[in-house]
PDB file of all heavy atoms in Angstrom:
ATOM      1  N   PRO A   1       0.826  -1.202   0.000  1.00  0.00           N
ATOM      2  CA  PRO A   1       0.000   0.000   0.000  1.00  0.00           C
ATOM      3  C   PRO A   1       0.867   1.262   0.000  1.00  0.00           C
ATOM      4  O   PRO A   1       1.944   1.285   0.593  1.00  0.00           O
ATOM      5  CB  PRO A   1      -0.794  -0.102   1.307  1.00  0.00           C
ATOM      6  CG  PRO A   1      -0.721  -1.530   1.696  1.00  0.00           C
ATOM      7  CD  PRO A   1       0.569  -2.053   1.149  1.00  0.00           C
ATOM      8  N   TYR A   2       0.382   2.260  -0.647  1.00  0.00           N
ATOM      9  CA  TYR A   2       1.087   3.530  -0.722  1.00  0.00           C
ATOM     10  C   TYR A   2       1.445   4.016   0.681  1.00  0.00           C
ATOM     11  O   TYR A   2       0.623   3.993   1.587  1.00  0.00           O
ATOM     12  CB  TYR A   2       0.197   4.562  -1.433  1.00  0.00           C
ATOM     13  CG  TYR A   2       0.829   5.923  -1.571  1.00  0.00           C
ATOM     14  CD1 TYR A   2       1.901   6.118  -2.426  1.00  0.00           C
ATOM     15  CD2 TYR A   2       0.359   6.993  -0.841  1.00  0.00           C
ATOM     16  CE1 TYR A   2       2.488   7.360  -2.565  1.00  0.00           C
ATOM     17  CE2 TYR A   2       0.921   8.240  -0.967  1.00  0.00           C
ATOM     18  CZ  TYR A   2       1.995   8.418  -1.833  1.00  0.00           C
ATOM     19  OH  TYR A   2       2.575   9.651  -1.947  1.00  0.00           O
ATOM     20  N   ASN A   3       2.661   4.434   0.860  1.00  0.00           N
ATOM     21  CA  ASN A   3       3.178   5.003   2.108  1.00  0.00           C
ATOM     22  C   ASN A   3       3.372   4.020   3.252  1.00  0.00           C
ATOM     23  O   ASN A   3       3.488   4.430   4.389  1.00  0.00           O
ATOM     24  CB  ASN A   3       2.300   6.171   2.596  1.00  0.00           C
ATOM     25  CG  ASN A   3       2.575   7.430   1.822  1.00  0.00           C
ATOM     26  OD1 ASN A   3       3.640   7.587   1.238  1.00  0.00           O
ATOM     27  ND2 ASN A   3       1.611   8.325   1.796  1.00  0.00           N
ATOM     28  N   CYS A   4       3.391   2.710   2.999  1.00  0.00           N
ATOM     29  CA  CYS A   4       3.713   1.808   4.102  1.00  0.00           C
ATOM     30  C   CYS A   4       5.197   1.991   4.422  1.00  0.00           C
ATOM     31  O   CYS A   4       6.010   2.276   3.545  1.00  0.00           O
ATOM     32  CB  CYS A   4       3.378   0.354   3.771  1.00  0.00           C
ATOM     33  SG  CYS A   4       4.256  -0.378   2.372  1.00  0.00           S
ATOM     34  N   ALA A   5       5.553   1.867   5.688  1.00  0.00           N
ATOM     35  CA  ALA A   5       6.945   2.035   6.102  1.00  0.00           C
ATOM     36  C   ALA A   5       7.821   1.012   5.391  1.00  0.00           C
ATOM     37  O   ALA A   5       7.505  -0.170   5.358  1.00  0.00           O
ATOM     38  CB  ALA A   5       7.065   1.876   7.611  1.00  0.00           C
ATOM     39  N   GLY A   6       8.904   1.464   4.795  1.00  0.00           N
ATOM     40  CA  GLY A   6       9.837   0.589   4.105  1.00  0.00           C
ATOM     41  C   GLY A   6       9.572   0.443   2.619  1.00  0.00           C
ATOM     42  O   GLY A   6      10.302  -0.283   1.941  1.00  0.00           O
ATOM     43  N   ILE A   7       8.554   1.102   2.084  1.00  0.00           N
ATOM     44  CA  ILE A   7       8.190   0.966   0.674  1.00  0.00           C
ATOM     45  C   ILE A   7       9.413   1.182  -0.222  1.00  0.00           C
ATOM     46  O   ILE A   7      10.185   2.111  -0.005  1.00  0.00           O
ATOM     47  CB  ILE A   7       7.032   1.917   0.276  1.00  0.00           C
ATOM     48  CG1 ILE A   7       6.488   1.593  -1.110  1.00  0.00           C
ATOM     49  CG2 ILE A   7       7.447   3.371   0.334  1.00  0.00           C
ATOM     50  CD1 ILE A   7       5.478   0.528  -1.123  1.00  0.00           C
ATOM     51  N   ALA A   8       9.621   0.291  -1.147  1.00  0.00           N
ATOM     52  CA  ALA A   8      10.717   0.310  -2.119  1.00  0.00           C
ATOM     53  C   ALA A   8      12.086   0.056  -1.491  1.00  0.00           C
ATOM     54  O   ALA A   8      13.097   0.133  -2.177  1.00  0.00           O
ATOM     55  CB  ALA A   8      10.723   1.605  -2.915  1.00  0.00           C
ATOM     56  N   GLY A   9      12.136  -0.276  -0.204  1.00  0.00           N
ATOM     57  CA  GLY A   9      13.402  -0.607   0.434  1.00  0.00           C
ATOM     58  C   GLY A   9      13.780  -2.049   0.173  1.00  0.00           C
ATOM     59  O   GLY A   9      12.929  -2.902  -0.080  1.00  0.00           O
ATOM     60  N   LEU A  10      15.065  -2.346   0.232  1.00  0.00           N
ATOM     61  CA  LEU A  10      15.546  -3.714   0.056  1.00  0.00           C
ATOM     62  C   LEU A  10      15.078  -4.601   1.206  1.00  0.00           C
ATOM     63  O   LEU A  10      15.101  -4.185   2.360  1.00  0.00           O
ATOM     64  CB  LEU A  10      17.066  -3.741   0.001  1.00  0.00           C
ATOM     65  CG  LEU A  10      17.709  -3.396  -1.326  1.00  0.00           C
ATOM     66  CD1 LEU A  10      19.217  -3.265  -1.174  1.00  0.00           C
ATOM     67  CD2 LEU A  10      17.383  -4.453  -2.370  1.00  0.00           C
ATOM     68  N   VAL A  11      14.681  -5.797   0.886  1.00  0.00           N
ATOM     69  CA  VAL A  11      14.253  -6.770   1.890  1.00  0.00           C
ATOM     70  C   VAL A  11      15.466  -7.361   2.605  1.00  0.00           C
ATOM     71  O   VAL A  11      15.431  -7.601   3.814  1.00  0.00           O
ATOM     72  CB  VAL A  11      13.418  -7.896   1.236  1.00  0.00           C
ATOM     73  CG1 VAL A  11      13.075  -8.986   2.232  1.00  0.00           C
ATOM     74  CG2 VAL A  11      12.162  -7.320   0.599  1.00  0.00           C
ATOM     75  N   ASP A  12      16.546  -7.561   1.868  1.00  0.00           N
ATOM     76  CA  ASP A  12      17.752  -8.199   2.389  1.00  0.00           C
ATOM     77  C   ASP A  12      18.262  -7.490   3.644  1.00  0.00           C
ATOM     78  O   ASP A  12      18.531  -6.293   3.628  1.00  0.00           O
ATOM     79  CB  ASP A  12      18.838  -8.195   1.304  1.00  0.00           C
ATOM     80  CG  ASP A  12      20.047  -9.008   1.690  1.00  0.00           C
ATOM     81  OD1 ASP A  12      19.896 -10.032   2.379  1.00  0.00           O
ATOM     82  OD2 ASP A  12      21.158  -8.614   1.288  1.00  0.00           O
ATOM     83  N   ASP A  13      18.382  -8.230   4.728  1.00  0.00           N
ATOM     84  CA  ASP A  13      18.889  -7.717   6.002  1.00  0.00           C
ATOM     85  C   ASP A  13      18.088  -6.537   6.528  1.00  0.00           C
ATOM     86  O   ASP A  13      18.627  -5.640   7.180  1.00  0.00           O
ATOM     87  CB  ASP A  13      20.371  -7.318   5.876  1.00  0.00           C
ATOM     88  CG  ASP A  13      21.278  -8.504   5.672  1.00  0.00           C
ATOM     89  OD1 ASP A  13      20.914  -9.616   6.084  1.00  0.00           O
ATOM     90  OD2 ASP A  13      22.358  -8.325   5.085  1.00  0.00           O
ATOM     91  N   ASP A  14      16.774  -6.517   6.254  1.00  0.00           N
ATOM     92  CA  ASP A  14      15.951  -5.407   6.720  1.00  0.00           C
ATOM     93  C   ASP A  14      14.521  -5.849   7.042  1.00  0.00           C
ATOM     94  O   ASP A  14      13.563  -5.196   6.655  1.00  0.00           O
ATOM     95  CB  ASP A  14      15.944  -4.280   5.678  1.00  0.00           C
ATOM     96  CG  ASP A  14      15.725  -2.914   6.308  1.00  0.00           C
ATOM     97  OD1 ASP A  14      15.723  -2.816   7.550  1.00  0.00           O
ATOM     98  OD2 ASP A  14      15.545  -1.941   5.557  1.00  0.00           O
ATOM     99  N   THR A  15      14.376  -6.969   7.742  1.00  0.00           N
ATOM    100  CA  THR A  15      13.057  -7.430   8.168  1.00  0.00           C
ATOM    101  C   THR A  15      13.064  -7.639   9.678  1.00  0.00           C
ATOM    102  O   THR A  15      14.017  -8.180  10.228  1.00  0.00           O
ATOM    103  CB  THR A  15      12.655  -8.744   7.467  1.00  0.00           C
ATOM    104  OG1 THR A  15      13.635  -9.740   7.734  1.00  0.00           O
ATOM    105  CG2 THR A  15      12.540  -8.545   5.966  1.00  0.00           C
ATOM    106  N   ALA A  16      11.981  -7.207  10.327  1.00  0.00           N
ATOM    107  CA  ALA A  16      11.930  -7.248  11.784  1.00  0.00           C
ATOM    108  C   ALA A  16      10.902  -8.225  12.349  1.00  0.00           C
ATOM    109  O   ALA A  16      10.954  -8.573  13.520  1.00  0.00           O
ATOM    110  CB  ALA A  16      11.658  -5.848  12.322  1.00  0.00           C
ATOM    111  N   SER A  17       9.936  -8.651  11.525  1.00  0.00           N
ATOM    112  CA  SER A  17       8.920  -9.590  12.015  1.00  0.00           C
ATOM    113  C   SER A  17       8.387 -10.417  10.856  1.00  0.00           C
ATOM    114  O   SER A  17       8.673 -10.131   9.694  1.00  0.00           O
ATOM    115  CB  SER A  17       7.780  -8.838  12.710  1.00  0.00           C
ATOM    116  OG  SER A  17       7.145  -7.926  11.851  1.00  0.00           O
ATOM    117  N   TYR A  18       7.609 -11.452  11.197  1.00  0.00           N
ATOM    118  CA  TYR A  18       7.080 -12.326  10.156  1.00  0.00           C
ATOM    119  C   TYR A  18       5.749 -12.936  10.574  1.00  0.00           C
ATOM    120  O   TYR A  18       5.388 -12.959  11.742  1.00  0.00           O
ATOM    121  CB  TYR A  18       8.037 -13.453   9.777  1.00  0.00           C
ATOM    122  CG  TYR A  18       9.042 -13.854  10.807  1.00  0.00           C
ATOM    123  CD1 TYR A  18       8.663 -14.507  11.967  1.00  0.00           C
ATOM    124  CD2 TYR A  18      10.380 -13.571  10.620  1.00  0.00           C
ATOM    125  CE1 TYR A  18       9.600 -14.878  12.907  1.00  0.00           C
ATOM    126  CE2 TYR A  18      11.325 -13.946  11.554  1.00  0.00           C
ATOM    127  CZ  TYR A  18      10.935 -14.596  12.696  1.00  0.00           C
ATOM    128  OH  TYR A  18      11.867 -14.959  13.621  1.00  0.00           O
ATOM    129  N   ARG A  19       5.049 -13.418   9.548  1.00  0.00           N
ATOM    130  CA  ARG A  19       3.782 -14.113   9.761  1.00  0.00           C
ATOM    131  C   ARG A  19       3.707 -15.245   8.742  1.00  0.00           C
ATOM    132  O   ARG A  19       3.940 -15.035   7.554  1.00  0.00           O
ATOM    133  CB  ARG A  19       2.609 -13.162   9.564  1.00  0.00           C
ATOM    134  CG  ARG A  19       1.264 -13.835   9.786  1.00  0.00           C
ATOM    135  CD  ARG A  19       0.125 -12.860   9.693  1.00  0.00           C
ATOM    136  NE  ARG A  19      -1.136 -13.565   9.915  1.00  0.00           N
ATOM    137  CZ  ARG A  19      -2.313 -13.046   9.673  1.00  0.00           C
ATOM    138  NH1 ARG A  19      -2.416 -11.805   9.246  1.00  0.00           N
ATOM    139  NH2 ARG A  19      -3.398 -13.763   9.875  1.00  0.00           N
ATOM    140  N   ASN A  20       3.356 -16.429   9.224  1.00  0.00           N
ATOM    141  CA  ASN A  20       3.257 -17.590   8.346  1.00  0.00           C
ATOM    142  C   ASN A  20       1.786 -17.947   8.137  1.00  0.00           C
ATOM    143  O   ASN A  20       1.160 -18.547   9.003  1.00  0.00           O
ATOM    144  CB  ASN A  20       4.020 -18.772   8.933  1.00  0.00           C
ATOM    145  CG  ASN A  20       4.079 -19.947   7.986  1.00  0.00           C
ATOM    146  OD1 ASN A  20       3.459 -19.940   6.927  1.00  0.00           O
ATOM    147  ND2 ASN A  20       4.822 -20.969   8.357  1.00  0.00           N
ATOM    148  N   ARG A  21       1.238 -17.605   6.980  1.00  0.00           N
ATOM    149  CA  ARG A  21      -0.148 -17.952   6.639  1.00  0.00           C
ATOM    150  C   ARG A  21      -0.194 -19.200   5.764  1.00  0.00           C
ATOM    151  O   ARG A  21      -1.210 -19.512   5.162  1.00  0.00           O
ATOM    152  CB  ARG A  21      -0.829 -16.790   5.920  1.00  0.00           C
ATOM    153  CG  ARG A  21      -1.031 -15.584   6.840  1.00  0.00           C
ATOM    154  CD  ARG A  21      -1.949 -14.566   6.271  1.00  0.00           C
ATOM    155  NE  ARG A  21      -3.298 -15.125   6.138  1.00  0.00           N
ATOM    156  CZ  ARG A  21      -4.269 -14.529   5.468  1.00  0.00           C
ATOM    157  NH1 ARG A  21      -4.058 -13.368   4.880  1.00  0.00           N
ATOM    158  NH2 ARG A  21      -5.451 -15.091   5.378  1.00  0.00           N
ATOM    159  N   ASP A  22       0.916 -19.914   5.719  1.00  0.00           N
ATOM    160  CA  ASP A  22       1.026 -21.136   4.929  1.00  0.00           C
ATOM    161  C   ASP A  22       0.703 -22.338   5.811  1.00  0.00           C
ATOM    162  O   ASP A  22       0.676 -22.238   7.034  1.00  0.00           O
ATOM    163  CB  ASP A  22       2.455 -21.250   4.385  1.00  0.00           C
ATOM    164  CG  ASP A  22       2.566 -22.126   3.171  1.00  0.00           C
ATOM    165  OD1 ASP A  22       1.635 -22.883   2.864  1.00  0.00           O
ATOM    166  OD2 ASP A  22       3.625 -22.076   2.513  1.00  0.00           O
ATOM    167  N   THR A  23       0.489 -23.483   5.185  1.00  0.00           N
ATOM    168  CA  THR A  23       0.288 -24.721   5.933  1.00  0.00           C
ATOM    169  C   THR A  23       1.607 -25.448   6.169  1.00  0.00           C
ATOM    170  O   THR A  23       1.630 -26.469   6.838  1.00  0.00           O
ATOM    171  CB  THR A  23      -0.683 -25.658   5.187  1.00  0.00           C
ATOM    172  OG1 THR A  23      -0.165 -25.919   3.885  1.00  0.00           O
ATOM    173  CG2 THR A  23      -2.064 -25.034   5.085  1.00  0.00           C
ATOM    174  N   TYR A  24       2.677 -24.922   5.601  1.00  0.00           N
ATOM    175  CA  TYR A  24       4.013 -25.501   5.750  1.00  0.00           C
ATOM    176  C   TYR A  24       4.865 -24.671   6.692  1.00  0.00           C
ATOM    177  O   TYR A  24       4.664 -23.466   6.826  1.00  0.00           O
ATOM    178  CB  TYR A  24       4.724 -25.568   4.388  1.00  0.00           C
ATOM    179  CG  TYR A  24       4.063 -26.512   3.428  1.00  0.00           C
ATOM    180  CD1 TYR A  24       3.222 -26.035   2.423  1.00  0.00           C
ATOM    181  CD2 TYR A  24       4.261 -27.879   3.518  1.00  0.00           C
ATOM    182  CE1 TYR A  24       2.606 -26.902   1.537  1.00  0.00           C
ATOM    183  CE2 TYR A  24       3.640 -28.751   2.645  1.00  0.00           C
ATOM    184  CZ  TYR A  24       2.820 -28.257   1.655  1.00  0.00           C
ATOM    185  OH  TYR A  24       2.218 -29.118   0.791  1.00  0.00           O
ATOM    186  N   THR A  25       5.837 -25.312   7.311  1.00  0.00           N
ATOM    187  CA  THR A  25       6.839 -24.613   8.104  1.00  0.00           C
ATOM    188  C   THR A  25       7.804 -23.923   7.149  1.00  0.00           C
ATOM    189  O   THR A  25       8.183 -24.491   6.128  1.00  0.00           O
ATOM    190  CB  THR A  25       7.603 -25.607   8.997  1.00  0.00           C
ATOM    191  OG1 THR A  25       6.670 -26.185   9.922  1.00  0.00           O
ATOM    192  CG2 THR A  25       8.735 -24.937   9.748  1.00  0.00           C
ATOM    193  N   TRP A  26       8.199 -22.707   7.475  1.00  0.00           N
ATOM    194  CA  TRP A  26       9.183 -21.965   6.677  1.00  0.00           C
ATOM    195  C   TRP A  26      10.480 -21.871   7.442  1.00  0.00           C
ATOM    196  O   TRP A  26      10.492 -21.860   8.674  1.00  0.00           O
ATOM    197  CB  TRP A  26       8.650 -20.564   6.357  1.00  0.00           C
ATOM    198  CG  TRP A  26       7.746 -20.562   5.184  1.00  0.00           C
ATOM    199  CD1 TRP A  26       6.455 -20.993   5.142  1.00  0.00           C
ATOM    200  CD2 TRP A  26       8.070 -20.123   3.870  1.00  0.00           C
ATOM    201  NE1 TRP A  26       5.954 -20.851   3.871  1.00  0.00           N
ATOM    202  CE2 TRP A  26       6.928 -20.312   3.072  1.00  0.00           C
ATOM    203  CE3 TRP A  26       9.212 -19.585   3.281  1.00  0.00           C
ATOM    204  CZ2 TRP A  26       6.886 -19.987   1.728  1.00  0.00           C
ATOM    205  CZ3 TRP A  26       9.171 -19.248   1.941  1.00  0.00           C
ATOM    206  CH2 TRP A  26       8.021 -19.458   1.174  1.00  0.00           C
ATOM    207  N   ARG A  27      11.570 -21.822   6.702  1.00  0.00           N
ATOM    208  CA  ARG A  27      12.896 -21.606   7.284  1.00  0.00           C
ATOM    209  C   ARG A  27      13.432 -20.281   6.763  1.00  0.00           C
ATOM    210  O   ARG A  27      13.273 -19.964   5.578  1.00  0.00           O
ATOM    211  CB  ARG A  27      13.845 -22.746   6.920  1.00  0.00           C
ATOM    212  CG  ARG A  27      13.438 -24.057   7.549  1.00  0.00           C
ATOM    213  CD  ARG A  27      14.404 -25.167   7.256  1.00  0.00           C
ATOM    214  NE  ARG A  27      14.329 -25.504   5.828  1.00  0.00           N
ATOM    215  CZ  ARG A  27      15.142 -26.347   5.223  1.00  0.00           C
ATOM    216  NH1 ARG A  27      16.095 -26.941   5.894  1.00  0.00           N
ATOM    217  NH2 ARG A  27      15.000 -26.616   3.953  1.00  0.00           N
ATOM    218  N   VAL A  28      14.039 -19.519   7.639  1.00  0.00           N
ATOM    219  CA  VAL A  28      14.703 -18.270   7.257  1.00  0.00           C
ATOM    220  C   VAL A  28      16.171 -18.385   7.638  1.00  0.00           C
ATOM    221  O   VAL A  28      16.520 -19.115   8.564  1.00  0.00           O
ATOM    222  CB  VAL A  28      14.064 -17.040   7.946  1.00  0.00           C
ATOM    223  CG1 VAL A  28      12.637 -16.836   7.470  1.00  0.00           C
ATOM    224  CG2 VAL A  28      14.113 -17.149   9.464  1.00  0.00           C
ATOM    225  N   ALA A  29      17.020 -17.669   6.903  1.00  0.00           N
ATOM    226  CA  ALA A  29      18.456 -17.760   7.164  1.00  0.00           C
ATOM    227  C   ALA A  29      19.123 -16.396   7.013  1.00  0.00           C
ATOM    228  O   ALA A  29      18.624 -15.518   6.305  1.00  0.00           O
ATOM    229  CB  ALA A  29      19.099 -18.765   6.216  1.00  0.00           C
ATOM    230  N   THR A  30      20.270 -16.257   7.653  1.00  0.00           N
ATOM    231  CA  THR A  30      20.998 -14.995   7.633  1.00  0.00           C
ATOM    232  C   THR A  30      21.940 -14.857   6.441  1.00  0.00           C
ATOM    233  O   THR A  30      22.529 -13.795   6.251  1.00  0.00           O
ATOM    234  CB  THR A  30      21.799 -14.819   8.938  1.00  0.00           C
ATOM    235  OG1 THR A  30      22.675 -15.945   9.100  1.00  0.00           O
ATOM    236  CG2 THR A  30      20.865 -14.724  10.144  1.00  0.00           C
ATOM    237  N   ASP A  31      22.090 -15.906   5.647  1.00  0.00           N
ATOM    238  CA  ASP A  31      22.926 -15.855   4.444  1.00  0.00           C
ATOM    239  C   ASP A  31      22.131 -16.404   3.259  1.00  0.00           C
ATOM    240  O   ASP A  31      21.114 -17.072   3.441  1.00  0.00           O
ATOM    241  CB  ASP A  31      24.204 -16.680   4.623  1.00  0.00           C
ATOM    242  CG  ASP A  31      25.176 -16.063   5.617  1.00  0.00           C
ATOM    243  OD1 ASP A  31      25.139 -14.836   5.820  1.00  0.00           O
ATOM    244  OD2 ASP A  31      25.971 -16.823   6.204  1.00  0.00           O
ATOM    245  N   ILE A  32      22.621 -16.146   2.051  1.00  0.00           N
ATOM    246  CA  ILE A  32      21.964 -16.666   0.853  1.00  0.00           C
ATOM    247  C   ILE A  32      21.991 -18.189   0.870  1.00  0.00           C
ATOM    248  O   ILE A  32      22.806 -18.800   1.571  1.00  0.00           O
ATOM    249  CB  ILE A  32      22.597 -16.110  -0.448  1.00  0.00           C
ATOM    250  CG1 ILE A  32      24.042 -16.538  -0.589  1.00  0.00           C
ATOM    251  CG2 ILE A  32      22.466 -14.603  -0.515  1.00  0.00           C
ATOM    252  CD1 ILE A  32      24.642 -16.238  -1.959  1.00  0.00           C
ATOM    253  N   ASN A  33      21.102 -18.777   0.100  1.00  0.00           N
ATOM    254  CA  ASN A  33      21.016 -20.232  -0.047  1.00  0.00           C
ATOM    255  C   ASN A  33      20.835 -20.952   1.287  1.00  0.00           C
ATOM    256  O   ASN A  33      21.359 -22.047   1.492  1.00  0.00           O
ATOM    257  CB  ASN A  33      22.233 -20.778  -0.798  1.00  0.00           C
ATOM    258  CG  ASN A  33      22.329 -20.210  -2.185  1.00  0.00           C
ATOM    259  OD1 ASN A  33      21.328 -20.081  -2.877  1.00  0.00           O
ATOM    260  ND2 ASN A  33      23.526 -19.835  -2.593  1.00  0.00           N
ATOM    261  N   LEU A  34      20.113 -20.320   2.181  1.00  0.00           N
ATOM    262  CA  LEU A  34      19.809 -20.860   3.504  1.00  0.00           C
ATOM    263  C   LEU A  34      21.069 -21.166   4.313  1.00  0.00           C
ATOM    264  O   LEU A  34      21.144 -22.150   5.039  1.00  0.00           O
ATOM    265  CB  LEU A  34      18.908 -22.099   3.393  1.00  0.00           C
ATOM    266  CG  LEU A  34      17.846 -22.202   4.478  1.00  0.00           C
ATOM    267  CD1 LEU A  34      16.874 -21.043   4.440  1.00  0.00           C
ATOM    268  CD2 LEU A  34      17.124 -23.505   4.406  1.00  0.00           C
ATOM    269  N   GLY A  35      22.044 -20.295   4.183  1.00  0.00           N
ATOM    270  CA  GLY A  35      23.281 -20.425   4.946  1.00  0.00           C
ATOM    271  C   GLY A  35      23.242 -19.582   6.206  1.00  0.00           C
ATOM    272  O   GLY A  35      22.291 -18.862   6.473  1.00  0.00           O
ATOM    273  N   GLY A  36      24.297 -19.678   6.988  1.00  0.00           N
ATOM    274  CA  GLY A  36      24.380 -18.925   8.242  1.00  0.00           C
ATOM    275  C   GLY A  36      23.441 -19.499   9.283  1.00  0.00           C
ATOM    276  O   GLY A  36      23.179 -20.695   9.316  1.00  0.00           O
ATOM    277  N   LEU A  37      22.898 -18.631  10.123  1.00  0.00           N
ATOM    278  CA  LEU A  37      21.934 -19.070  11.122  1.00  0.00           C
ATOM    279  C   LEU A  37      20.605 -19.372  10.442  1.00  0.00           C
ATOM    280  O   LEU A  37      20.174 -18.611   9.573  1.00  0.00           O
ATOM    281  CB  LEU A  37      21.718 -17.978  12.168  1.00  0.00           C
ATOM    282  CG  LEU A  37      22.918 -17.611  13.038  1.00  0.00           C
ATOM    283  CD1 LEU A  37      22.562 -16.451  13.950  1.00  0.00           C
ATOM    284  CD2 LEU A  37      23.366 -18.809  13.852  1.00  0.00           C
ATOM    285  N   VAL A  38      19.973 -20.462  10.828  1.00  0.00           N
ATOM    286  CA  VAL A  38      18.699 -20.867  10.237  1.00  0.00           C
ATOM    287  C   VAL A  38      17.669 -21.019  11.353  1.00  0.00           C
ATOM    288  O   VAL A  38      17.941 -21.641  12.378  1.00  0.00           O
ATOM    289  CB  VAL A  38      18.837 -22.198   9.460  1.00  0.00           C
ATOM    290  CG1 VAL A  38      17.498 -22.636   8.900  1.00  0.00           C
ATOM    291  CG2 VAL A  38      19.876 -22.081   8.362  1.00  0.00           C
ATOM    292  N   GLY A  39      16.495 -20.433  11.138  1.00  0.00           N
ATOM    293  CA  GLY A  39      15.396 -20.551  12.085  1.00  0.00           C
ATOM    294  C   GLY A  39      14.161 -21.078  11.392  1.00  0.00           C
ATOM    295  O   GLY A  39      14.042 -20.998  10.170  1.00  0.00           O
ATOM    296  N   THR A  40      13.232 -21.641  12.156  1.00  0.00           N
ATOM    297  CA  THR A  40      12.001 -22.181  11.582  1.00  0.00           C
ATOM    298  C   THR A  40      10.794 -21.400  12.100  1.00  0.00           C
ATOM    299  O   THR A  40      10.756 -20.994  13.264  1.00  0.00           O
ATOM    300  CB  THR A  40      11.818 -23.671  11.910  1.00  0.00           C
ATOM    301  OG1 THR A  40      11.814 -23.844  13.323  1.00  0.00           O
ATOM    302  CG2 THR A  40      12.927 -24.504  11.302  1.00  0.00           C
ATOM    303  N   ILE A  41       9.825 -21.225  11.209  1.00  0.00           N
ATOM    304  CA  ILE A  41       8.595 -20.511  11.518  1.00  0.00           C
ATOM    305  C   ILE A  41       7.434 -21.464  11.223  1.00  0.00           C
ATOM    306  O   ILE A  41       7.157 -21.764  10.058  1.00  0.00           O
ATOM    307  CB  ILE A  41       8.440 -19.237  10.656  1.00  0.00           C
ATOM    308  CG1 ILE A  41       9.745 -18.447  10.519  1.00  0.00           C
ATOM    309  CG2 ILE A  41       7.291 -18.393  11.165  1.00  0.00           C
ATOM    310  CD1 ILE A  41      10.346 -17.941  11.790  1.00  0.00           C
ATOM    311  N   PRO A  42       6.745 -21.954  12.251  1.00  0.00           N
ATOM    312  CA  PRO A  42       5.667 -22.925  12.026  1.00  0.00           C
ATOM    313  C   PRO A  42       4.418 -22.285  11.413  1.00  0.00           C
ATOM    314  O   PRO A  42       4.250 -21.061  11.490  1.00  0.00           O
ATOM    315  CB  PRO A  42       5.379 -23.455  13.433  1.00  0.00           C
ATOM    316  CG  PRO A  42       5.809 -22.373  14.358  1.00  0.00           C
ATOM    317  CD  PRO A  42       6.959 -21.675  13.674  1.00  0.00           C
ATOM    318  N   PRO A  43       3.543 -23.094  10.837  1.00  0.00           N
ATOM    319  CA  PRO A  43       2.292 -22.567  10.280  1.00  0.00           C
ATOM    320  C   PRO A  43       1.504 -21.781  11.332  1.00  0.00           C
ATOM    321  O   PRO A  43       1.437 -22.183  12.499  1.00  0.00           O
ATOM    322  CB  PRO A  43       1.520 -23.819   9.866  1.00  0.00           C
ATOM    323  CG  PRO A  43       2.568 -24.863   9.663  1.00  0.00           C
ATOM    324  CD  PRO A  43       3.638 -24.550  10.667  1.00  0.00           C
TER     325      PRO A  43
END
């Protein structure tokens, strides 16, 4: 939406929270290709 905080900003290394609306568990990582620290976010 127009004027949301962060609009047009890079996603890389600039996310503070998350929501999983999927039926699958998601993994996030601090490096490309799921490298570095890896965390899981349940459905």
